[in-house]
Amino acid sequence: MKKTIITQFYAIIKKELRTYFNSPIAYVFIVTLLGFSFWLFFRGFFLQGQLDLRPFFDFMPWLFLLLIPALTMRIWAEESRQGTIETLLTSSVPLPLSVIAKFTACLIFLAITILSTLILPIVLSFIGKLDWGQTMVAYLGVMLMGSCYMGVGLVVSSLTSNQIVSFIISALICFILYILALPIVTYSLPSMAIPVINLFSLGAHYDSIIRGVIDSRDLIYYLSFITLTIYLNIQILESRK
């Protein structure tokens, strides 16, 4: 029984990854991410004379606002549009397994894409001194932020059969969650409310991590957020049975 579940789990992951790499979405995602990475790095290098990866990490959540909803919008919405979601919901594969497998496939694809940008710190290490510890912690922050965006995208995708609607709503929700702690949002709020806002803001926790500081509160927040989105995804699909 255990072997069967593991086989089903890997089969779903392989199917999703095959779907990504057999479509233009994967290559647009990778090329866009690499293109902006190189542009941000070399802009600072040639114009400012600085070997600094901070602009790359600062810009990544904004780039993800467009790329990750585009990556997740088809996961469940396409199943609904084609009518295959009914088969999936009534199959012998446990629904939580399907949800976690699809999320894992997205995560693997995101990790592959982000790892491709490691060429930047590698180049930087040959030109000047690079703090690899801080850089790796910042990459961890990028993965956690991307995972949260993915969780939101999967939840929204399970609510609609229209991929465009899924893309727009996912991007909007992620945008709101990211900017919660920005000064432009909090400047008119009472000072006692700001720590509460920071607690729920994706951006506040991200800024803390890309500085090279691993705080258990940030890790707990991100892992809790990811777990919550997976749970909501399962509950939404269970309600459709």
C-alpha atoms as a PDB file:
ATOM      1  CA  MET A   1       0.000   0.000   0.000  1.00  0.00           C
ATOM      2  CA  LYS A   2       2.777   2.392   0.978  1.00  0.00           C
ATOM      3  CA  LYS A   3       4.669   1.618  -2.221  1.00  0.00           C
ATOM      4  CA  THR A   4       1.533   2.302  -4.284  1.00  0.00           C
ATOM      5  CA  ILE A   5       1.032   5.718  -2.675  1.00  0.00           C
ATOM      6  CA  ILE A   6       4.668   6.666  -3.290  1.00  0.00           C
ATOM      7  CA  THR A   7       4.372   5.530  -6.911  1.00  0.00           C
ATOM      8  CA  GLN A   8       1.229   7.631  -7.375  1.00  0.00           C
ATOM      9  CA  PHE A   9       2.930  10.610  -5.747  1.00  0.00           C
ATOM     10  CA  TYR A  10       5.911  10.476  -8.103  1.00  0.00           C
ATOM     11  CA  ALA A  11       3.648   9.844 -11.103  1.00  0.00           C
ATOM     12  CA  ILE A  12       1.739  13.091 -10.474  1.00  0.00           C
ATOM     13  CA  ILE A  13       4.974  15.036 -10.029  1.00  0.00           C
ATOM     14  CA  LYS A  14       6.394  13.632 -13.286  1.00  0.00           C
ATOM     15  CA  LYS A  15       3.155  14.446 -15.125  1.00  0.00           C
ATOM     16  CA  GLU A  16       3.162  18.058 -13.913  1.00  0.00           C
ATOM     17  CA  LEU A  17       6.850  18.605 -14.682  1.00  0.00           C
ATOM     18  CA  ARG A  18       6.373  17.091 -18.135  1.00  0.00           C
ATOM     19  CA  THR A  19       3.472  19.476 -18.720  1.00  0.00           C
ATOM     20  CA  TYR A  20       5.637  22.449 -17.747  1.00  0.00           C
ATOM     21  CA  PHE A  21       8.584  21.546 -19.958  1.00  0.00           C
ATOM     22  CA  ASN A  22       6.364  20.606 -22.905  1.00  0.00           C
ATOM     23  CA  SER A  23       4.837  24.088 -22.935  1.00  0.00           C
ATOM     24  CA  PRO A  24       6.291  27.581 -23.522  1.00  0.00           C
ATOM     25  CA  ILE A  25       5.487  28.640 -19.942  1.00  0.00           C
ATOM     26  CA  ALA A  26       8.556  26.948 -18.478  1.00  0.00           C
ATOM     27  CA  TYR A  27      10.973  28.507 -20.924  1.00  0.00           C
ATOM     28  CA  VAL A  28       9.409  31.965 -20.700  1.00  0.00           C
ATOM     29  CA  PHE A  29       9.663  31.695 -16.898  1.00  0.00           C
ATOM     30  CA  ILE A  30      13.335  30.673 -16.954  1.00  0.00           C
ATOM     31  CA  VAL A  31      14.430  33.153 -19.646  1.00  0.00           C
ATOM     32  CA  THR A  32      12.580  36.043 -17.962  1.00  0.00           C
ATOM     33  CA  LEU A  33      14.077  35.282 -14.574  1.00  0.00           C
ATOM     34  CA  LEU A  34      17.600  34.949 -15.966  1.00  0.00           C
ATOM     35  CA  GLY A  35      17.207  38.036 -18.140  1.00  0.00           C
ATOM     36  CA  PHE A  36      16.157  40.262 -15.266  1.00  0.00           C
ATOM     37  CA  SER A  37      18.807  38.729 -12.993  1.00  0.00           C
ATOM     38  CA  PHE A  38      21.627  39.583 -15.379  1.00  0.00           C
ATOM     39  CA  TRP A  39      20.188  43.026 -16.094  1.00  0.00           C
ATOM     40  CA  LEU A  40      19.904  43.967 -12.410  1.00  0.00           C
ATOM     41  CA  PHE A  41      23.379  42.686 -11.629  1.00  0.00           C
ATOM     42  CA  PHE A  42      25.239  44.275 -14.541  1.00  0.00           C
ATOM     43  CA  ARG A  43      23.329  47.546 -14.236  1.00  0.00           C
ATOM     44  CA  GLY A  44      24.782  47.975 -10.755  1.00  0.00           C
ATOM     45  CA  PHE A  45      28.171  46.733 -11.893  1.00  0.00           C
ATOM     46  CA  PHE A  46      28.624  49.057 -14.876  1.00  0.00           C
ATOM     47  CA  LEU A  47      26.686  52.129 -13.728  1.00  0.00           C
ATOM     48  CA  GLN A  48      27.513  52.165 -10.033  1.00  0.00           C
ATOM     49  CA  GLY A  49      30.690  50.096  -9.920  1.00  0.00           C
ATOM     50  CA  GLN A  50      29.198  47.855  -7.232  1.00  0.00           C
ATOM     51  CA  LEU A  51      29.321  44.072  -6.992  1.00  0.00           C
ATOM     52  CA  ASP A  52      26.040  43.769  -5.170  1.00  0.00           C
ATOM     53  CA  LEU A  53      23.330  41.108  -5.443  1.00  0.00           C
ATOM     54  CA  ARG A  54      20.908  43.004  -3.213  1.00  0.00           C
ATOM     55  CA  PRO A  55      18.984  44.596  -6.159  1.00  0.00           C
ATOM     56  CA  PHE A  56      18.444  41.084  -7.524  1.00  0.00           C
ATOM     57  CA  PHE A  57      16.948  39.828  -4.261  1.00  0.00           C
ATOM     58  CA  ASP A  58      14.934  43.036  -3.736  1.00  0.00           C
ATOM     59  CA  PHE A  59      13.339  42.750  -7.174  1.00  0.00           C
ATOM     60  CA  MET A  60      12.592  39.024  -7.062  1.00  0.00           C
ATOM     61  CA  PRO A  61       9.232  39.239  -5.173  1.00  0.00           C
ATOM     62  CA  TRP A  62       7.978  41.784  -7.728  1.00  0.00           C
ATOM     63  CA  LEU A  63       9.013  39.590 -10.630  1.00  0.00           C
ATOM     64  CA  PHE A  64       7.372  36.595  -8.951  1.00  0.00           C
ATOM     65  CA  LEU A  65       4.079  38.545  -8.810  1.00  0.00           C
ATOM     66  CA  LEU A  66       3.819  38.009 -12.562  1.00  0.00           C
ATOM     67  CA  LEU A  67       5.680  34.759 -13.097  1.00  0.00           C
ATOM     68  CA  ILE A  68       4.339  32.498 -10.341  1.00  0.00           C
ATOM     69  CA  PRO A  69       0.607  33.195 -10.902  1.00  0.00           C
ATOM     70  CA  ALA A  70       1.287  32.411 -14.577  1.00  0.00           C
ATOM     71  CA  LEU A  71       2.906  29.159 -13.457  1.00  0.00           C
ATOM     72  CA  THR A  72       0.068  28.077 -11.147  1.00  0.00           C
ATOM     73  CA  MET A  73      -2.999  29.406 -12.962  1.00  0.00           C
ATOM     74  CA  ARG A  74      -3.478  26.207 -14.988  1.00  0.00           C
ATOM     75  CA  ILE A  75      -2.880  23.645 -12.213  1.00  0.00           C
ATOM     76  CA  TRP A  76      -6.528  23.205 -11.164  1.00  0.00           C
ATOM     77  CA  ALA A  77      -8.264  25.647 -13.513  1.00  0.00           C
ATOM     78  CA  GLU A  78      -7.254  23.578 -16.537  1.00  0.00           C
ATOM     79  CA  GLU A  79      -8.481  20.418 -14.838  1.00  0.00           C
ATOM     80  CA  SER A  80     -11.852  22.121 -14.269  1.00  0.00           C
ATOM     81  CA  ARG A  81     -12.055  23.442 -17.821  1.00  0.00           C
ATOM     82  CA  GLN A  82     -11.323  20.052 -19.352  1.00  0.00           C
ATOM     83  CA  GLY A  83     -13.656  18.240 -16.945  1.00  0.00           C
ATOM     84  CA  THR A  84     -10.856  15.969 -15.704  1.00  0.00           C
ATOM     85  CA  ILE A  85     -11.096  17.270 -12.159  1.00  0.00           C
ATOM     86  CA  GLU A  86     -14.166  15.092 -11.509  1.00  0.00           C
ATOM     87  CA  THR A  87     -12.133  12.027 -12.426  1.00  0.00           C
ATOM     88  CA  LEU A  88      -9.324  13.189 -10.155  1.00  0.00           C
ATOM     89  CA  LEU A  89     -11.659  13.824  -7.216  1.00  0.00           C
ATOM     90  CA  THR A  90     -13.245  10.364  -7.490  1.00  0.00           C
ATOM     91  CA  SER A  91     -10.076   8.391  -8.266  1.00  0.00           C
ATOM     92  CA  SER A  92      -8.311   6.043  -5.858  1.00  0.00           C
ATOM     93  CA  VAL A  93      -5.531   8.604  -5.364  1.00  0.00           C
ATOM     94  CA  PRO A  94      -6.050  10.416  -2.028  1.00  0.00           C
ATOM     95  CA  LEU A  95      -6.861  14.070  -2.644  1.00  0.00           C
ATOM     96  CA  PRO A  96      -4.260  15.407  -0.168  1.00  0.00           C
ATOM     97  CA  LEU A  97      -1.653  13.372  -2.044  1.00  0.00           C
ATOM     98  CA  SER A  98      -2.642  14.979  -5.361  1.00  0.00           C
ATOM     99  CA  VAL A  99      -2.519  18.482  -3.871  1.00  0.00           C
ATOM    100  CA  ILE A 100       0.865  17.976  -2.215  1.00  0.00           C
ATOM    101  CA  ALA A 101       2.274  16.332  -5.351  1.00  0.00           C
ATOM    102  CA  LYS A 102       1.185  19.233  -7.566  1.00  0.00           C
ATOM    103  CA  PHE A 103       2.636  21.719  -5.094  1.00  0.00           C
ATOM    104  CA  THR A 104       5.880  19.720  -4.972  1.00  0.00           C
ATOM    105  CA  ALA A 105       6.114  19.716  -8.777  1.00  0.00           C
ATOM    106  CA  CYS A 106       5.766  23.511  -8.803  1.00  0.00           C
ATOM    107  CA  LEU A 107       8.383  23.745  -6.070  1.00  0.00           C
ATOM    108  CA  ILE A 108      10.845  21.567  -8.000  1.00  0.00           C
ATOM    109  CA  PHE A 109      10.397  23.662 -11.111  1.00  0.00           C
ATOM    110  CA  LEU A 110      10.908  26.878  -9.114  1.00  0.00           C
ATOM    111  CA  ALA A 111      14.043  25.444  -7.485  1.00  0.00           C
ATOM    112  CA  ILE A 112      15.494  24.474 -10.882  1.00  0.00           C
ATOM    113  CA  THR A 113      14.866  27.984 -12.173  1.00  0.00           C
ATOM    114  CA  ILE A 114      16.333  29.722  -9.132  1.00  0.00           C
ATOM    115  CA  LEU A 115      19.390  27.455  -9.137  1.00  0.00           C
ATOM    116  CA  SER A 116      20.082  28.567 -12.710  1.00  0.00           C
ATOM    117  CA  THR A 117      20.679  32.103 -11.369  1.00  0.00           C
ATOM    118  CA  LEU A 118      23.584  30.871  -9.221  1.00  0.00           C
ATOM    119  CA  ILE A 119      25.819  31.833 -12.125  1.00  0.00           C
ATOM    120  CA  LEU A 120      25.572  35.415 -10.806  1.00  0.00           C
ATOM    121  CA  PRO A 121      27.123  34.846  -7.369  1.00  0.00           C
ATOM    122  CA  ILE A 122      29.652  32.483  -8.954  1.00  0.00           C
ATOM    123  CA  VAL A 123      30.758  35.231 -11.352  1.00  0.00           C
ATOM    124  CA  LEU A 124      30.769  37.718  -8.482  1.00  0.00           C
ATOM    125  CA  SER A 125      33.013  35.466  -6.376  1.00  0.00           C
ATOM    126  CA  PHE A 126      35.669  35.563  -9.118  1.00  0.00           C
ATOM    127  CA  ILE A 127      35.526  39.360  -9.378  1.00  0.00           C
ATOM    128  CA  GLY A 128      35.408  40.256  -5.709  1.00  0.00           C
ATOM    129  CA  LYS A 129      34.763  38.973  -2.220  1.00  0.00           C
ATOM    130  CA  LEU A 130      31.358  37.366  -1.730  1.00  0.00           C
ATOM    131  CA  ASP A 131      29.668  36.438   1.531  1.00  0.00           C
ATOM    132  CA  TRP A 132      28.345  33.018   0.515  1.00  0.00           C
ATOM    133  CA  GLY A 133      26.585  32.528   3.851  1.00  0.00           C
ATOM    134  CA  GLN A 134      24.460  35.640   3.422  1.00  0.00           C
ATOM    135  CA  THR A 135      23.871  34.815  -0.249  1.00  0.00           C
ATOM    136  CA  MET A 136      22.588  31.312   0.500  1.00  0.00           C
ATOM    137  CA  VAL A 137      20.296  32.637   3.231  1.00  0.00           C
ATOM    138  CA  ALA A 138      18.926  35.179   0.743  1.00  0.00           C
ATOM    139  CA  TYR A 139      18.299  32.375  -1.762  1.00  0.00           C
ATOM    140  CA  LEU A 140      16.402  30.533   0.984  1.00  0.00           C
ATOM    141  CA  GLY A 141      14.243  33.641   1.370  1.00  0.00           C
ATOM    142  CA  VAL A 142      13.558  33.667  -2.379  1.00  0.00           C
ATOM    143  CA  MET A 143      12.450  30.026  -2.276  1.00  0.00           C
ATOM    144  CA  LEU A 144      10.193  30.591   0.731  1.00  0.00           C
ATOM    145  CA  MET A 145       8.626  33.681  -0.820  1.00  0.00           C
ATOM    146  CA  GLY A 146       8.069  31.845  -4.103  1.00  0.00           C
ATOM    147  CA  SER A 147       6.523  28.902  -2.238  1.00  0.00           C
ATOM    148  CA  CYS A 148       4.017  31.202  -0.534  1.00  0.00           C
ATOM    149  CA  TYR A 149       3.052  32.766  -3.858  1.00  0.00           C
ATOM    150  CA  MET A 150       2.627  29.255  -5.248  1.00  0.00           C
ATOM    151  CA  GLY A 151       0.363  28.250  -2.378  1.00  0.00           C
ATOM    152  CA  VAL A 152      -1.868  31.260  -3.048  1.00  0.00           C
ATOM    153  CA  GLY A 153      -1.888  30.487  -6.778  1.00  0.00           C
ATOM    154  CA  LEU A 154      -2.960  26.889  -6.219  1.00  0.00           C
ATOM    155  CA  VAL A 155      -5.787  27.917  -3.872  1.00  0.00           C
ATOM    156  CA  VAL A 156      -7.132  30.459  -6.352  1.00  0.00           C
ATOM    157  CA  SER A 157      -6.737  28.040  -9.273  1.00  0.00           C
ATOM    158  CA  SER A 158      -8.924  25.530  -7.423  1.00  0.00           C
ATOM    159  CA  LEU A 159     -11.719  28.114  -7.209  1.00  0.00           C
ATOM    160  CA  THR A 160     -12.112  28.832 -10.920  1.00  0.00           C
ATOM    161  CA  SER A 161     -11.940  27.199 -14.319  1.00  0.00           C
ATOM    162  CA  ASN A 162     -10.699  30.416 -15.969  1.00  0.00           C
ATOM    163  CA  GLN A 163      -6.917  30.673 -16.072  1.00  0.00           C
ATOM    164  CA  ILE A 164      -6.880  34.446 -16.653  1.00  0.00           C
ATOM    165  CA  VAL A 165      -9.118  35.029 -13.642  1.00  0.00           C
ATOM    166  CA  SER A 166      -6.859  32.759 -11.605  1.00  0.00           C
ATOM    167  CA  PHE A 167      -3.773  34.707 -12.714  1.00  0.00           C
ATOM    168  CA  ILE A 168      -5.222  38.139 -11.893  1.00  0.00           C
ATOM    169  CA  ILE A 169      -6.649  37.205  -8.483  1.00  0.00           C
ATOM    170  CA  SER A 170      -3.500  35.321  -7.445  1.00  0.00           C
ATOM    171  CA  ALA A 171      -1.254  38.233  -8.432  1.00  0.00           C
ATOM    172  CA  LEU A 172      -3.521  40.686  -6.577  1.00  0.00           C
ATOM    173  CA  ILE A 173      -3.595  38.654  -3.347  1.00  0.00           C
ATOM    174  CA  CYS A 174       0.182  38.141  -3.392  1.00  0.00           C
ATOM    175  CA  PHE A 175       0.693  41.850  -4.080  1.00  0.00           C
ATOM    176  CA  ILE A 176      -1.444  42.852  -1.093  1.00  0.00           C
ATOM    177  CA  LEU A 177       0.272  40.377   1.225  1.00  0.00           C
ATOM    178  CA  TYR A 178       3.703  41.610   0.118  1.00  0.00           C
ATOM    179  CA  ILE A 179       3.132  45.373   0.456  1.00  0.00           C
ATOM    180  CA  LEU A 180       1.360  45.217   3.824  1.00  0.00           C
ATOM    181  CA  ALA A 181       4.437  46.411   5.730  1.00  0.00           C
ATOM    182  CA  LEU A 182       5.682  49.018   3.234  1.00  0.00           C
ATOM    183  CA  PRO A 183       5.844  52.594   4.620  1.00  0.00           C
ATOM    184  CA  ILE A 184       3.352  53.794   2.002  1.00  0.00           C
ATOM    185  CA  VAL A 185       0.791  51.456   3.613  1.00  0.00           C
ATOM    186  CA  THR A 186       1.678  51.830   7.286  1.00  0.00           C
ATOM    187  CA  TYR A 187       2.467  55.556   7.527  1.00  0.00           C
ATOM    188  CA  SER A 188      -1.099  56.494   8.519  1.00  0.00           C
ATOM    189  CA  LEU A 189      -1.581  53.574  10.904  1.00  0.00           C
ATOM    190  CA  PRO A 190      -1.147  53.856  14.688  1.00  0.00           C
ATOM    191  CA  SER A 191       2.295  52.721  15.828  1.00  0.00           C
ATOM    192  CA  MET A 192       0.868  49.848  17.869  1.00  0.00           C
ATOM    193  CA  ALA A 193      -0.700  48.356  14.715  1.00  0.00           C
ATOM    194  CA  ILE A 194       2.549  48.223  12.717  1.00  0.00           C
ATOM    195  CA  PRO A 195       4.045  45.162  14.514  1.00  0.00           C
ATOM    196  CA  VAL A 196       0.786  43.290  13.862  1.00  0.00           C
ATOM    197  CA  ILE A 197       0.894  44.244  10.176  1.00  0.00           C
ATOM    198  CA  ASN A 198       4.545  43.166   9.979  1.00  0.00           C
ATOM    199  CA  LEU A 199       3.600  39.828  11.493  1.00  0.00           C
ATOM    200  CA  PHE A 200       1.301  39.015   8.568  1.00  0.00           C
ATOM    201  CA  SER A 201       3.305  40.639   5.786  1.00  0.00           C
ATOM    202  CA  LEU A 202       5.220  38.436   3.346  1.00  0.00           C
ATOM    203  CA  GLY A 203       7.488  41.377   2.580  1.00  0.00           C
ATOM    204  CA  ALA A 204       8.515  42.104   6.165  1.00  0.00           C
ATOM    205  CA  HIS A 205       9.681  38.529   6.747  1.00  0.00           C
ATOM    206  CA  TYR A 206      11.406  38.436   3.356  1.00  0.00           C
ATOM    207  CA  ASP A 207      13.373  41.618   4.034  1.00  0.00           C
ATOM    208  CA  SER A 208      14.591  40.108   7.280  1.00  0.00           C
ATOM    209  CA  ILE A 209      15.867  36.933   5.608  1.00  0.00           C
ATOM    210  CA  ILE A 210      17.639  38.539   2.617  1.00  0.00           C
ATOM    211  CA  ARG A 211      19.737  40.542   5.073  1.00  0.00           C
ATOM    212  CA  GLY A 212      21.316  37.200   5.929  1.00  0.00           C
ATOM    213  CA  VAL A 213      19.533  36.687   9.243  1.00  0.00           C
ATOM    214  CA  ILE A 214      17.698  33.420   9.861  1.00  0.00           C
ATOM    215  CA  ASP A 215      15.069  34.136  12.481  1.00  0.00           C
ATOM    216  CA  SER A 216      12.916  31.235  13.678  1.00  0.00           C
ATOM    217  CA  ARG A 217       9.873  33.531  13.587  1.00  0.00           C
ATOM    218  CA  ASP A 218      10.341  34.108   9.866  1.00  0.00           C
ATOM    219  CA  LEU A 219      10.725  30.390   9.157  1.00  0.00           C
ATOM    220  CA  ILE A 220       7.673  29.545  11.282  1.00  0.00           C
ATOM    221  CA  TYR A 221       5.654  32.207   9.459  1.00  0.00           C
ATOM    222  CA  TYR A 222       6.549  30.949   5.991  1.00  0.00           C
ATOM    223  CA  LEU A 223       6.094  27.269   6.814  1.00  0.00           C
ATOM    224  CA  SER A 224       2.756  28.021   8.497  1.00  0.00           C
ATOM    225  CA  PHE A 225       1.625  30.068   5.500  1.00  0.00           C
ATOM    226  CA  ILE A 226       2.556  27.291   3.064  1.00  0.00           C
ATOM    227  CA  THR A 227       0.827  24.667   5.220  1.00  0.00           C
ATOM    228  CA  LEU A 228      -2.306  26.825   5.460  1.00  0.00           C
ATOM    229  CA  THR A 229      -2.546  27.274   1.675  1.00  0.00           C
ATOM    230  CA  ILE A 230      -2.135  23.524   1.095  1.00  0.00           C
ATOM    231  CA  TYR A 231      -4.832  22.829   3.705  1.00  0.00           C
ATOM    232  CA  LEU A 232      -7.201  25.366   2.102  1.00  0.00           C
ATOM    233  CA  ASN A 233      -6.519  23.854  -1.311  1.00  0.00           C
ATOM    234  CA  ILE A 234      -7.485  20.409  -0.016  1.00  0.00           C
ATOM    235  CA  GLN A 235     -10.623  21.689   1.711  1.00  0.00           C
ATOM    236  CA  ILE A 236     -11.816  23.583  -1.368  1.00  0.00           C
ATOM    237  CA  LEU A 237     -11.404  20.517  -3.563  1.00  0.00           C
ATOM    238  CA  GLU A 238     -13.017  18.259  -0.950  1.00  0.00           C
ATOM    239  CA  SER A 239     -16.071  20.535  -0.985  1.00  0.00           C
ATOM    240  CA  ARG A 240     -16.424  19.980  -4.732  1.00  0.00           C
ATOM    241  CA  LYS A 241     -16.825  16.201  -4.417  1.00  0.00           C
END
